C-alpha atoms as a PDB file:
ATOM      1  CA  MET A   1     -29.373 -11.133   0.848  1.00  0.00           C
ATOM      2  CA  PRO A   2     -31.403  -9.318   3.547  1.00  0.00           C
ATOM      3  CA  ARG A   3     -33.768 -11.249   5.778  1.00  0.00           C
ATOM      4  CA  SER A   4     -37.248 -10.148   6.368  1.00  0.00           C
ATOM      5  CA  ASP A   5     -37.798 -12.069   9.628  1.00  0.00           C
ATOM      6  CA  GLY A   6     -35.347  -9.941  11.641  1.00  0.00           C
ATOM      7  CA  ALA A   7     -33.071 -12.870  12.316  1.00  0.00           C
ATOM      8  CA  ARG A   8     -29.286 -12.497  12.201  1.00  0.00           C
ATOM      9  CA  THR A   9     -26.534 -14.963  11.502  1.00  0.00           C
ATOM     10  CA  ALA A  10     -24.080 -13.136  13.795  1.00  0.00           C
ATOM     11  CA  PRO A  11     -24.210 -10.279  16.239  1.00  0.00           C
ATOM     12  CA  ARG A  12     -23.540  -6.827  14.871  1.00  0.00           C
ATOM     13  CA  LYS A  13     -20.680  -4.810  16.222  1.00  0.00           C
ATOM     14  CA  ALA A  14     -20.826  -1.068  16.930  1.00  0.00           C
ATOM     15  CA  SER A  15     -18.215  -0.382  14.355  1.00  0.00           C
ATOM     16  CA  GLU A  16     -20.313  -2.173  11.673  1.00  0.00           C
ATOM     17  CA  ARG A  17     -23.297  -0.252  12.670  1.00  0.00           C
ATOM     18  CA  LEU A  18     -21.622   3.118  12.590  1.00  0.00           C
ATOM     19  CA  ARG A  19     -20.104   2.458   9.130  1.00  0.00           C
ATOM     20  CA  ARG A  20     -23.556   1.481   7.891  1.00  0.00           C
ATOM     21  CA  LEU A  21     -25.165   4.610   9.337  1.00  0.00           C
ATOM     22  CA  LEU A  22     -22.468   6.841   7.701  1.00  0.00           C
ATOM     23  CA  VAL A  23     -23.680   5.422   4.371  1.00  0.00           C
ATOM     24  CA  VAL A  24     -27.352   4.964   4.899  1.00  0.00           C
ATOM     25  CA  VAL A  25     -28.146   8.373   6.423  1.00  0.00           C
ATOM     26  CA  PRO A  26     -26.595  10.515   3.621  1.00  0.00           C
ATOM     27  CA  TYR A  27     -28.384   8.369   1.031  1.00  0.00           C
ATOM     28  CA  LEU A  28     -31.830   8.657   2.657  1.00  0.00           C
ATOM     29  CA  VAL A  29     -31.351  12.485   3.105  1.00  0.00           C
ATOM     30  CA  ARG A  30     -30.611  12.825  -0.623  1.00  0.00           C
ATOM     31  CA  HIS A  31     -33.473  10.425  -1.495  1.00  0.00           C
ATOM     32  CA  PRO A  32     -36.498  11.393   0.700  1.00  0.00           C
ATOM     33  CA  GLY A  33     -39.344   8.878   0.635  1.00  0.00           C
ATOM     34  CA  THR A  34     -37.187   5.798  -0.148  1.00  0.00           C
ATOM     35  CA  PRO A  35     -39.213   2.631   0.384  1.00  0.00           C
ATOM     36  CA  VAL A  36     -38.125   0.518   3.249  1.00  0.00           C
ATOM     37  CA  ASP A  37     -37.906  -2.571   0.965  1.00  0.00           C
ATOM     38  CA  GLU A  38     -35.620  -0.736  -1.381  1.00  0.00           C
ATOM     39  CA  ALA A  39     -33.330   0.392   1.438  1.00  0.00           C
ATOM     40  CA  MET A  40     -33.173  -3.191   2.825  1.00  0.00           C
ATOM     41  CA  GLU A  41     -32.072  -4.442  -0.567  1.00  0.00           C
ATOM     42  CA  LEU A  42     -29.664  -1.671  -1.183  1.00  0.00           C
ATOM     43  CA  PHE A  43     -27.775  -1.934   2.093  1.00  0.00           C
ATOM     44  CA  GLY A  44     -28.039  -5.631   2.639  1.00  0.00           C
ATOM     45  CA  VAL A  45     -29.893  -5.452   5.996  1.00  0.00           C
ATOM     46  CA  SER A  46     -33.075  -6.925   7.457  1.00  0.00           C
ATOM     47  CA  GLU A  47     -36.126  -4.769   8.102  1.00  0.00           C
ATOM     48  CA  GLN A  48     -35.467  -5.007  11.918  1.00  0.00           C
ATOM     49  CA  GLU A  49     -31.815  -3.933  11.586  1.00  0.00           C
ATOM     50  CA  LEU A  50     -32.848  -0.992   9.406  1.00  0.00           C
ATOM     51  CA  LEU A  51     -35.594   0.139  11.791  1.00  0.00           C
ATOM     52  CA  ASP A  52     -33.283  -0.274  14.812  1.00  0.00           C
ATOM     53  CA  ASP A  53     -30.758   1.993  13.104  1.00  0.00           C
ATOM     54  CA  LEU A  54     -33.358   4.640  12.382  1.00  0.00           C
ATOM     55  CA  ASP A  55     -34.564   4.409  16.005  1.00  0.00           C
ATOM     56  CA  LEU A  56     -31.081   5.291  17.081  1.00  0.00           C
ATOM     57  CA  LEU A  57     -31.154   8.430  15.062  1.00  0.00           C
ATOM     58  CA  PHE A  58     -34.049   9.806  17.049  1.00  0.00           C
ATOM     59  CA  VAL A  59     -31.633  10.231  20.106  1.00  0.00           C
ATOM     60  CA  SER A  60     -28.807  11.598  17.992  1.00  0.00           C
ATOM     61  CA  GLY A  61     -27.952  15.279  18.343  1.00  0.00           C
ATOM     62  CA  LEU A  62     -26.312  17.896  20.454  1.00  0.00           C
ATOM     63  CA  PRO A  63     -27.176  19.570  23.759  1.00  0.00           C
ATOM     64  CA  PRO A  64     -29.553  20.974  24.839  1.00  0.00           C
ATOM     65  CA  TYR A  65     -31.431  18.282  22.691  1.00  0.00           C
ATOM     66  CA  GLY A  66     -34.192  20.588  21.628  1.00  0.00           C
ATOM     67  CA  PRO A  67     -36.236  20.192  18.361  1.00  0.00           C
ATOM     68  CA  GLY A  68     -33.547  21.902  16.363  1.00  0.00           C
ATOM     69  CA  ASP A  69     -30.748  19.845  17.843  1.00  0.00           C
ATOM     70  CA  LEU A  70     -31.923  16.377  16.961  1.00  0.00           C
ATOM     71  CA  ILE A  71     -32.189  14.334  13.741  1.00  0.00           C
ATOM     72  CA  ASP A  72     -35.776  13.862  12.698  1.00  0.00           C
ATOM     73  CA  VAL A  73     -36.785  10.408  11.267  1.00  0.00           C
ATOM     74  CA  ASP A  74     -40.289   9.707   9.810  1.00  0.00           C
ATOM     75  CA  VAL A  75     -41.349   6.203   8.509  1.00  0.00           C
ATOM     76  CA  GLN A  76     -44.831   6.232   7.084  1.00  0.00           C
ATOM     77  CA  ASP A  77     -46.549   4.002   4.602  1.00  0.00           C
ATOM     78  CA  GLY A  78     -43.415   1.997   4.114  1.00  0.00           C
ATOM     79  CA  ARG A  79     -41.316   4.996   3.174  1.00  0.00           C
ATOM     80  CA  ILE A  80     -38.515   6.853   4.994  1.00  0.00           C
ATOM     81  CA  TRP A  81     -37.786  10.582   5.390  1.00  0.00           C
ATOM     82  CA  ILE A  82     -34.805  11.930   7.432  1.00  0.00           C
ATOM     83  CA  GLY A  83     -34.506  15.642   8.388  1.00  0.00           C
ATOM     84  CA  MET A  84     -31.097  16.771   9.559  1.00  0.00           C
ATOM     85  CA  ALA A  85     -30.684  18.878  12.731  1.00  0.00           C
ATOM     86  CA  ASP A  86     -29.974  22.551  12.243  1.00  0.00           C
ATOM     87  CA  TYR A  87     -26.186  22.240  12.969  1.00  0.00           C
ATOM     88  CA  PHE A  88     -25.684  20.035   9.946  1.00  0.00           C
ATOM     89  CA  SER A  89     -26.469  23.014   7.728  1.00  0.00           C
ATOM     90  CA  ARG A  90     -23.665  25.074   9.300  1.00  0.00           C
ATOM     91  CA  PRO A  91     -20.233  24.746   7.469  1.00  0.00           C
ATOM     92  CA  LEU A  92     -17.642  22.827   9.293  1.00  0.00           C
ATOM     93  CA  ARG A  93     -14.768  25.105  10.587  1.00  0.00           C
ATOM     94  CA  PRO A  94     -12.064  22.993  12.071  1.00  0.00           C
ATOM     95  CA  MET A  95      -9.036  24.483  13.776  1.00  0.00           C
ATOM     96  CA  ARG A  96      -5.734  24.536  11.862  1.00  0.00           C
ATOM     97  CA  ALA A  97      -4.370  21.543  13.865  1.00  0.00           C
ATOM     98  CA  GLU A  98      -7.666  19.570  13.273  1.00  0.00           C
ATOM     99  CA  ALA A  99      -7.493  20.363   9.519  1.00  0.00           C
ATOM    100  CA  LEU A 100      -3.933  19.233   9.208  1.00  0.00           C
ATOM    101  CA  ALA A 101      -4.687  15.965  11.054  1.00  0.00           C
ATOM    102  CA  LEU A 102      -7.698  15.371   8.786  1.00  0.00           C
ATOM    103  CA  TYR A 103      -5.532  16.073   5.760  1.00  0.00           C
ATOM    104  CA  LEU A 104      -2.850  13.772   6.923  1.00  0.00           C
ATOM    105  CA  GLN A 105      -5.187  10.842   7.587  1.00  0.00           C
ATOM    106  CA  GLY A 106      -7.204  11.363   4.424  1.00  0.00           C
ATOM    107  CA  THR A 107      -4.009  11.524   2.239  1.00  0.00           C
ATOM    108  CA  GLU A 108      -2.717   8.418   3.797  1.00  0.00           C
ATOM    109  CA  LEU A 109      -6.042   6.665   3.054  1.00  0.00           C
ATOM    110  CA  ALA A 110      -6.242   7.982  -0.499  1.00  0.00           C
ATOM    111  CA  GLU A 111      -2.709   6.771  -1.328  1.00  0.00           C
ATOM    112  CA  THR A 112      -3.461   3.249  -0.197  1.00  0.00           C
ATOM    113  CA  PRO A 113      -3.646   0.789  -3.129  1.00  0.00           C
ATOM    114  CA  GLY A 114      -7.043  -0.956  -3.572  1.00  0.00           C
ATOM    115  CA  LEU A 115      -9.234   1.798  -2.215  1.00  0.00           C
ATOM    116  CA  GLU A 116     -12.311   2.132  -4.474  1.00  0.00           C
ATOM    117  CA  GLU A 117     -13.284   5.513  -2.918  1.00  0.00           C
ATOM    118  CA  ALA A 118      -9.867   7.026  -3.617  1.00  0.00           C
ATOM    119  CA  PRO A 119     -11.075   9.432  -6.431  1.00  0.00           C
ATOM    120  CA  ALA A 120     -13.799  11.100  -4.448  1.00  0.00           C
ATOM    121  CA  LEU A 121     -11.557  11.375  -1.374  1.00  0.00           C
ATOM    122  CA  SER A 122      -8.717  12.943  -3.439  1.00  0.00           C
ATOM    123  CA  SER A 123     -11.126  15.494  -4.743  1.00  0.00           C
ATOM    124  CA  ALA A 124     -12.218  16.521  -1.202  1.00  0.00           C
ATOM    125  CA  LEU A 125      -8.486  16.609  -0.065  1.00  0.00           C
ATOM    126  CA  ASP A 126      -7.580  18.958  -2.947  1.00  0.00           C
ATOM    127  CA  LYS A 127     -10.210  21.391  -1.593  1.00  0.00           C
ATOM    128  CA  LEU A 128      -8.932  21.018   1.913  1.00  0.00           C
ATOM    129  CA  ALA A 129      -5.289  21.592   0.702  1.00  0.00           C
ATOM    130  CA  ALA A 130      -6.382  24.747  -1.131  1.00  0.00           C
ATOM    131  CA  ALA A 131      -7.971  26.039   2.096  1.00  0.00           C
ATOM    132  CA  LEU A 132      -4.932  25.285   4.169  1.00  0.00           C
ATOM    133  CA  GLY A 133      -2.437  26.761   1.705  1.00  0.00           C
ATOM    134  CA  PRO A 134       1.168  25.837   0.938  1.00  0.00           C
ATOM    135  CA  ASP A 135       2.538  27.619   4.032  1.00  0.00           C
ATOM    136  CA  ALA A 136       0.591  25.121   6.312  1.00  0.00           C
ATOM    137  CA  LEU A 137       1.200  22.047   4.296  1.00  0.00           C
ATOM    138  CA  GLY A 138       4.865  22.440   3.342  1.00  0.00           C
ATOM    139  CA  GLY A 139       6.205  19.173   2.076  1.00  0.00           C
ATOM    140  CA  LEU A 140       3.617  17.058   3.845  1.00  0.00           C
ATOM    141  CA  PRO A 141       1.686  15.639   0.712  1.00  0.00           C
ATOM    142  CA  ALA A 142       4.887  14.056  -0.826  1.00  0.00           C
ATOM    143  CA  ARG A 143       6.081  12.712   2.473  1.00  0.00           C
ATOM    144  CA  VAL A 144       2.811  11.082   3.269  1.00  0.00           C
ATOM    145  CA  ALA A 145       2.466   9.647  -0.314  1.00  0.00           C
ATOM    146  CA  ALA A 146       5.868   8.050   0.182  1.00  0.00           C
ATOM    147  CA  THR A 147       4.571   5.940   3.132  1.00  0.00           C
ATOM    148  CA  ALA A 148       1.897   4.172   1.094  1.00  0.00           C
ATOM    149  CA  GLY A 149       2.182   0.372   1.002  1.00  0.00           C
ATOM    150  CA  GLY A 150       2.290  -1.841  -2.058  1.00  0.00           C
ATOM    151  CA  GLU A 151      -0.452  -3.606  -3.961  1.00  0.00           C
ATOM    152  CA  VAL A 152      -2.574  -6.027  -1.900  1.00  0.00           C
ATOM    153  CA  GLU A 153      -3.418  -8.923  -4.115  1.00  0.00           C
ATOM    154  CA  TRP A 154      -5.969 -10.539  -1.772  1.00  0.00           C
ATOM    155  CA  LEU A 155      -7.781  -7.351  -0.569  1.00  0.00           C
ATOM    156  CA  GLU A 156     -11.224  -8.185  -2.089  1.00  0.00           C
ATOM    157  CA  ASP A 157     -11.004 -11.809  -0.782  1.00  0.00           C
ATOM    158  CA  LEU A 158     -10.221 -10.431   2.651  1.00  0.00           C
ATOM    159  CA  ARG A 159     -13.111  -7.936   2.613  1.00  0.00           C
ATOM    160  CA  ARG A 160     -15.526 -10.539   1.361  1.00  0.00           C
ATOM    161  CA  ALA A 161     -14.624 -12.941   4.169  1.00  0.00           C
ATOM    162  CA  THR A 162     -15.129 -10.336   6.842  1.00  0.00           C
ATOM    163  CA  THR A 163     -18.527  -9.669   5.411  1.00  0.00           C
ATOM    164  CA  GLU A 164     -19.601 -13.291   5.057  1.00  0.00           C
ATOM    165  CA  ARG A 165     -17.829 -14.376   8.230  1.00  0.00           C
ATOM    166  CA  GLU A 166     -15.859 -17.074   6.469  1.00  0.00           C
ATOM    167  CA  ARG A 167     -12.762 -18.711   7.839  1.00  0.00           C
ATOM    168  CA  LEU A 168      -9.661 -18.441   5.573  1.00  0.00           C
ATOM    169  CA  ARG A 169      -6.549 -20.470   5.169  1.00  0.00           C
ATOM    170  CA  ILE A 170      -3.593 -18.167   4.558  1.00  0.00           C
ATOM    171  CA  GLU A 171       0.178 -18.265   4.063  1.00  0.00           C
ATOM    172  CA  TYR A 172       1.721 -15.362   5.968  1.00  0.00           C
ATOM    173  CA  HIS A 173       5.197 -13.987   5.866  1.00  0.00           C
ATOM    174  CA  ALA A 174       6.302 -12.400   9.122  1.00  0.00           C
ATOM    175  CA  LEU A 175       8.995  -9.749   8.431  1.00  0.00           C
ATOM    176  CA  SER A 176      10.246  -9.785  11.995  1.00  0.00           C
ATOM    177  CA  THR A 177      11.157 -13.563  11.886  1.00  0.00           C
ATOM    178  CA  ALA A 178      11.434 -13.915   8.035  1.00  0.00           C
ATOM    179  CA  GLU A 179       9.213 -16.973   8.303  1.00  0.00           C
ATOM    180  CA  THR A 180       6.347 -17.966   6.128  1.00  0.00           C
ATOM    181  CA  THR A 181       3.683 -20.007   7.924  1.00  0.00           C
ATOM    182  CA  GLU A 182       0.273 -21.512   7.122  1.00  0.00           C
ATOM    183  CA  ARG A 183      -2.577 -20.408   9.297  1.00  0.00           C
ATOM    184  CA  GLU A 184      -6.412 -20.594   9.613  1.00  0.00           C
ATOM    185  CA  ILE A 185      -7.833 -17.243  10.607  1.00  0.00           C
ATOM    186  CA  ASP A 186     -11.311 -15.754  11.341  1.00  0.00           C
ATOM    187  CA  PRO A 187     -11.051 -12.251   9.741  1.00  0.00           C
ATOM    188  CA  GLU A 188     -13.287  -9.719  11.532  1.00  0.00           C
ATOM    189  CA  GLU A 189     -11.994  -6.335  10.350  1.00  0.00           C
ATOM    190  CA  VAL A 190     -10.025  -5.066   7.331  1.00  0.00           C
ATOM    191  CA  PHE A 191      -8.778  -1.517   7.782  1.00  0.00           C
ATOM    192  CA  VAL A 192      -6.132   0.906   6.657  1.00  0.00           C
ATOM    193  CA  ALA A 193      -3.541   2.560   8.893  1.00  0.00           C
ATOM    194  CA  LEU A 194      -0.080   4.080   8.260  1.00  0.00           C
ATOM    195  CA  GLY A 195      -0.574   3.567   4.461  1.00  0.00           C
ATOM    196  CA  ASN A 196      -1.092  -0.216   4.769  1.00  0.00           C
ATOM    197  CA  TRP A 197      -4.018  -2.615   4.909  1.00  0.00           C
ATOM    198  CA  TYR A 198      -4.451  -4.664   8.030  1.00  0.00           C
ATOM    199  CA  VAL A 199      -6.592  -7.715   9.043  1.00  0.00           C
ATOM    200  CA  ALA A 200      -7.727  -8.000  12.669  1.00  0.00           C
ATOM    201  CA  ALA A 201      -8.345 -11.758  13.016  1.00  0.00           C
ATOM    202  CA  TRP A 202      -8.539 -14.750  15.370  1.00  0.00           C
ATOM    203  CA  ASP A 203      -5.574 -16.928  14.609  1.00  0.00           C
ATOM    204  CA  HIS A 204      -6.225 -20.643  15.168  1.00  0.00           C
ATOM    205  CA  ARG A 205      -2.514 -21.475  14.960  1.00  0.00           C
ATOM    206  CA  SER A 206      -1.779 -19.399  18.121  1.00  0.00           C
ATOM    207  CA  ASP A 207      -5.378 -19.521  19.424  1.00  0.00           C
ATOM    208  CA  ALA A 208      -5.319 -15.811  20.003  1.00  0.00           C
ATOM    209  CA  GLU A 209      -6.106 -12.482  18.339  1.00  0.00           C
ATOM    210  CA  ARG A 210      -3.556 -11.342  15.715  1.00  0.00           C
ATOM    211  CA  LEU A 211      -3.100  -8.439  13.465  1.00  0.00           C
ATOM    212  CA  PHE A 212      -1.840  -9.228   9.953  1.00  0.00           C
ATOM    213  CA  ARG A 213      -0.505  -6.862   7.355  1.00  0.00           C
ATOM    214  CA  ALA A 214      -2.422  -7.675   4.218  1.00  0.00           C
ATOM    215  CA  ASP A 215       0.422  -7.151   1.793  1.00  0.00           C
ATOM    216  CA  ARG A 216       2.437  -9.874   3.641  1.00  0.00           C
ATOM    217  CA  ILE A 217      -0.259 -12.485   2.979  1.00  0.00           C
ATOM    218  CA  ARG A 218       1.139 -14.755   0.261  1.00  0.00           C
ATOM    219  CA  SER A 219      -1.956 -16.872  -0.503  1.00  0.00           C
ATOM    220  CA  VAL A 220      -5.654 -16.952   0.508  1.00  0.00           C
ATOM    221  CA  ALA A 221      -7.883 -20.082   0.293  1.00  0.00           C
ATOM    222  CA  ARG A 222     -11.522 -20.348   1.305  1.00  0.00           C
ATOM    223  CA  THR A 223     -12.507 -23.010   3.765  1.00  0.00           C
ATOM    224  CA  GLY A 224     -16.270 -22.816   3.436  1.00  0.00           C
ATOM    225  CA  GLU A 225     -16.522 -22.700   7.281  1.00  0.00           C
ATOM    226  CA  ARG A 226     -18.368 -19.849   9.018  1.00  0.00           C
ATOM    227  CA  PHE A 227     -17.364 -18.263  12.389  1.00  0.00           C
ATOM    228  CA  GLU A 228     -18.930 -16.318  15.144  1.00  0.00           C
ATOM    229  CA  PRO A 229     -17.238 -12.919  15.610  1.00  0.00           C
ATOM    230  CA  ARG A 230     -15.519 -12.172  18.761  1.00  0.00           C
ATOM    231  CA  GLY A 231     -15.808  -8.379  18.574  1.00  0.00           C
ATOM    232  CA  LEU A 232     -12.161  -7.706  17.661  1.00  0.00           C
ATOM    233  CA  GLU A 233     -11.242  -4.047  17.165  1.00  0.00           C
ATOM    234  CA  GLY A 234     -10.405  -2.767  13.782  1.00  0.00           C
ATOM    235  CA  ALA A 235      -9.811   0.875  12.608  1.00  0.00           C
ATOM    236  CA  GLY A 236      -8.537   3.073  15.413  1.00  0.00           C
ATOM    237  CA  ARG A 237      -6.818   0.268  17.336  1.00  0.00           C
ATOM    238  CA  PRO A 238      -3.150   0.676  18.438  1.00  0.00           C
ATOM    239  CA  LEU A 239      -0.962  -1.040  15.861  1.00  0.00           C
ATOM    240  CA  TYR A 240       1.762  -1.576  18.483  1.00  0.00           C
ATOM    241  CA  THR A 241       1.523  -3.237  21.843  1.00  0.00           C
ATOM    242  CA  ARG A 242       4.293  -2.447  24.291  1.00  0.00           C
ATOM    243  CA  GLY A 243       6.218  -5.403  25.786  1.00  0.00           C
ATOM    244  CA  ASP A 244       9.170  -6.055  28.185  1.00  0.00           C
ATOM    245  CA  GLU A 245      11.671  -6.221  25.372  1.00  0.00           C
ATOM    246  CA  ASP A 246      10.815  -2.804  23.945  1.00  0.00           C
ATOM    247  CA  LEU A 247      13.578  -0.142  23.488  1.00  0.00           C
ATOM    248  CA  ASP A 248      12.933   3.579  24.387  1.00  0.00           C
ATOM    249  CA  VAL A 249      13.794   5.570  21.245  1.00  0.00           C
ATOM    250  CA  ARG A 250      14.061   9.316  21.284  1.00  0.00           C
ATOM    251  CA  LEU A 251      14.088  11.385  18.096  1.00  0.00           C
ATOM    252  CA  ARG A 252      14.344  15.146  17.326  1.00  0.00           C
ATOM    253  CA  LEU A 253      12.174  16.057  14.341  1.00  0.00           C
ATOM    254  CA  SER A 254      12.306  19.230  12.159  1.00  0.00           C
ATOM    255  CA  PRO A 255       9.064  21.104  11.527  1.00  0.00           C
ATOM    256  CA  ASP A 256       8.803  19.290   8.209  1.00  0.00           C
ATOM    257  CA  ALA A 257       8.817  15.918  10.031  1.00  0.00           C
ATOM    258  CA  ARG A 258       6.189  16.624  12.699  1.00  0.00           C
ATOM    259  CA  TRP A 259       3.887  14.372  10.870  1.00  0.00           C
ATOM    260  CA  VAL A 260       5.916  11.385  12.346  1.00  0.00           C
ATOM    261  CA  ALA A 261       4.316  12.055  15.781  1.00  0.00           C
ATOM    262  CA  GLU A 262       0.765  11.775  14.068  1.00  0.00           C
ATOM    263  CA  TYR A 263       1.629   8.482  12.427  1.00  0.00           C
ATOM    264  CA  TYR A 264       3.437   6.468  15.101  1.00  0.00           C
ATOM    265  CA  GLU A 265       2.678   5.346  18.708  1.00  0.00           C
ATOM    266  CA  THR A 266       4.457   7.791  20.979  1.00  0.00           C
ATOM    267  CA  THR A 267       5.032   7.852  24.765  1.00  0.00           C
ATOM    268  CA  ALA A 268       6.134  11.537  24.975  1.00  0.00           C
ATOM    269  CA  VAL A 269       6.086  14.535  22.708  1.00  0.00           C
ATOM    270  CA  SER A 270       7.597  18.015  23.486  1.00  0.00           C
ATOM    271  CA  GLU A 271       7.840  21.204  21.424  1.00  0.00           C
ATOM    272  CA  LEU A 272      11.189  22.600  20.310  1.00  0.00           C
ATOM    273  CA  ASP A 273      12.132  26.200  19.897  1.00  0.00           C
ATOM    274  CA  ASP A 274      12.479  25.868  16.101  1.00  0.00           C
ATOM    275  CA  GLY A 275       8.964  24.446  15.691  1.00  0.00           C
ATOM    276  CA  GLY A 276      10.041  20.869  15.596  1.00  0.00           C
ATOM    277  CA  LEU A 277       9.392  18.127  18.093  1.00  0.00           C
ATOM    278  CA  GLU A 278      11.268  15.762  20.363  1.00  0.00           C
ATOM    279  CA  ILE A 279       9.403  12.506  20.676  1.00  0.00           C
ATOM    280  CA  ALA A 280       9.828   9.186  22.455  1.00  0.00           C
ATOM    281  CA  LEU A 281       8.416   6.017  20.925  1.00  0.00           C
ATOM    282  CA  PRO A 282       8.670   2.308  21.827  1.00  0.00           C
ATOM    283  CA  ALA A 283      10.266  -0.197  19.354  1.00  0.00           C
ATOM    284  CA  ARG A 284      10.845  -3.893  19.774  1.00  0.00           C
ATOM    285  CA  ARG A 285      12.966  -4.107  16.604  1.00  0.00           C
ATOM    286  CA  LEU A 286      14.951  -1.267  15.010  1.00  0.00           C
ATOM    287  CA  GLU A 287      14.813  -2.334  11.337  1.00  0.00           C
ATOM    288  CA  TRP A 288      11.704  -0.363  10.471  1.00  0.00           C
ATOM    289  CA  LEU A 289      13.118   2.736  12.271  1.00  0.00           C
ATOM    290  CA  GLU A 290      16.333   2.436  10.281  1.00  0.00           C
ATOM    291  CA  ARG A 291      14.207   2.750   7.006  1.00  0.00           C
ATOM    292  CA  LEU A 292      12.097   5.568   8.421  1.00  0.00           C
ATOM    293  CA  LEU A 293      15.126   7.630   9.466  1.00  0.00           C
ATOM    294  CA  LEU A 294      16.937   7.075   6.204  1.00  0.00           C
ATOM    295  CA  ARG A 295      13.872   8.408   4.349  1.00  0.00           C
ATOM    296  CA  LEU A 296      13.641  11.445   6.756  1.00  0.00           C
ATOM    297  CA  GLY A 297      17.336  12.289   6.221  1.00  0.00           C
ATOM    298  CA  ALA A 298      18.309  15.507   7.899  1.00  0.00           C
ATOM    299  CA  ASP A 299      14.797  16.132   9.198  1.00  0.00           C
ATOM    300  CA  ALA A 300      15.381  13.604  12.054  1.00  0.00           C
ATOM    301  CA  GLN A 301      18.128  13.098  14.546  1.00  0.00           C
ATOM    302  CA  VAL A 302      18.491  10.154  16.879  1.00  0.00           C
ATOM    303  CA  VAL A 303      18.923  11.178  20.521  1.00  0.00           C
ATOM    304  CA  GLU A 304      18.997   7.623  21.855  1.00  0.00           C
ATOM    305  CA  PRO A 305      19.789   4.819  21.698  1.00  0.00           C
ATOM    306  CA  LYS A 306      23.337   5.145  20.218  1.00  0.00           C
ATOM    307  CA  GLU A 307      22.952   1.756  18.527  1.00  0.00           C
ATOM    308  CA  LEU A 308      20.190   3.085  16.331  1.00  0.00           C
ATOM    309  CA  LYS A 309      22.340   6.082  15.425  1.00  0.00           C
ATOM    310  CA  ASP A 310      25.185   3.931  14.344  1.00  0.00           C
ATOM    311  CA  ARG A 311      22.991   1.470  12.361  1.00  0.00           C
ATOM    312  CA  VAL A 312      21.317   4.360  10.459  1.00  0.00           C
ATOM    313  CA  ALA A 313      24.709   5.795   9.648  1.00  0.00           C
ATOM    314  CA  GLU A 314      25.962   2.327   8.342  1.00  0.00           C
ATOM    315  CA  LEU A 315      22.831   1.799   6.303  1.00  0.00           C
ATOM    316  CA  ALA A 316      23.139   5.306   4.734  1.00  0.00           C
ATOM    317  CA  ARG A 317      26.816   4.454   3.953  1.00  0.00           C
ATOM    318  CA  ARG A 318      25.822   1.176   2.233  1.00  0.00           C
ATOM    319  CA  THR A 319      22.990   2.866   0.238  1.00  0.00           C
ATOM    320  CA  ARG A 320      25.396   5.684  -0.964  1.00  0.00           C
ATOM    321  CA  LYS A 321      27.868   3.055  -1.974  1.00  0.00           C
ATOM    322  CA  ARG A 322      25.374   1.380  -4.393  1.00  0.00           C
ATOM    323  CA  TYR A 323      24.927   4.574  -6.364  1.00  0.00           C
ATOM    324  CA  VAL A 324      28.620   5.514  -6.537  1.00  0.00           C
END
């Protein structure tokens, strides 16, 4: 429930505020004159938080920051009006590379199980795909859809805990070690990346920040304990942190596999004459790369290390044998 005294139970992060503004502003633009009390109730914020957000809009715009370049906010007699700057009325015209990147990330998100906004997002992506055309997209839609993760049983519990700042007790299966452990975590951010849901949390077992894949959580139990957020980063954070044990992997990708460079952490990318790419990426374990390369087939070639090339060939041989 919103609080009318302006008090907060926990500090608000910039990422929370941005997400809220991206919802609040379009609503208030479409519903001019919305009462402040109604907006507080609808978005679950205090009056002070709402007014602080609206104050921030006063300084939002583009150079040279003239009257037509800034968002206009008017709060009178307990009601809110927002006038958008002139540039919001102009259609967005992204470059081809920008549109492809937008389509790639949007398709990844829409294919993720458990996303309530998926139907609206899919509709927007269909329009973007029509504008790009089949020559630009090629086989990208099917390849991106194939990366989507499985069902996440505890997604709503995790989202609720991040909102209510409640500590959870979880059982987590780590694929790298094949171990299932019990942990208490303070979940701060739930976000999607590379077709999977992730939880950025403080892990009390290791007394450190950890990133958990939500589909590898085997059970979730509420503790009833609240926590103070530490400001952990969620969406947009690197999913991989380099270490001393990393291997340097180099791959050659066909034009149809260029999307791999968008999806994964790379340390070098160079264009090839045929329109493909040669990329370098770090990897601590090769198992996930084996599966990726098996899925890519002839669209990817291992340059180095030779160990990975041999392992993929052996995996492909075993896989074919199952169907013979």
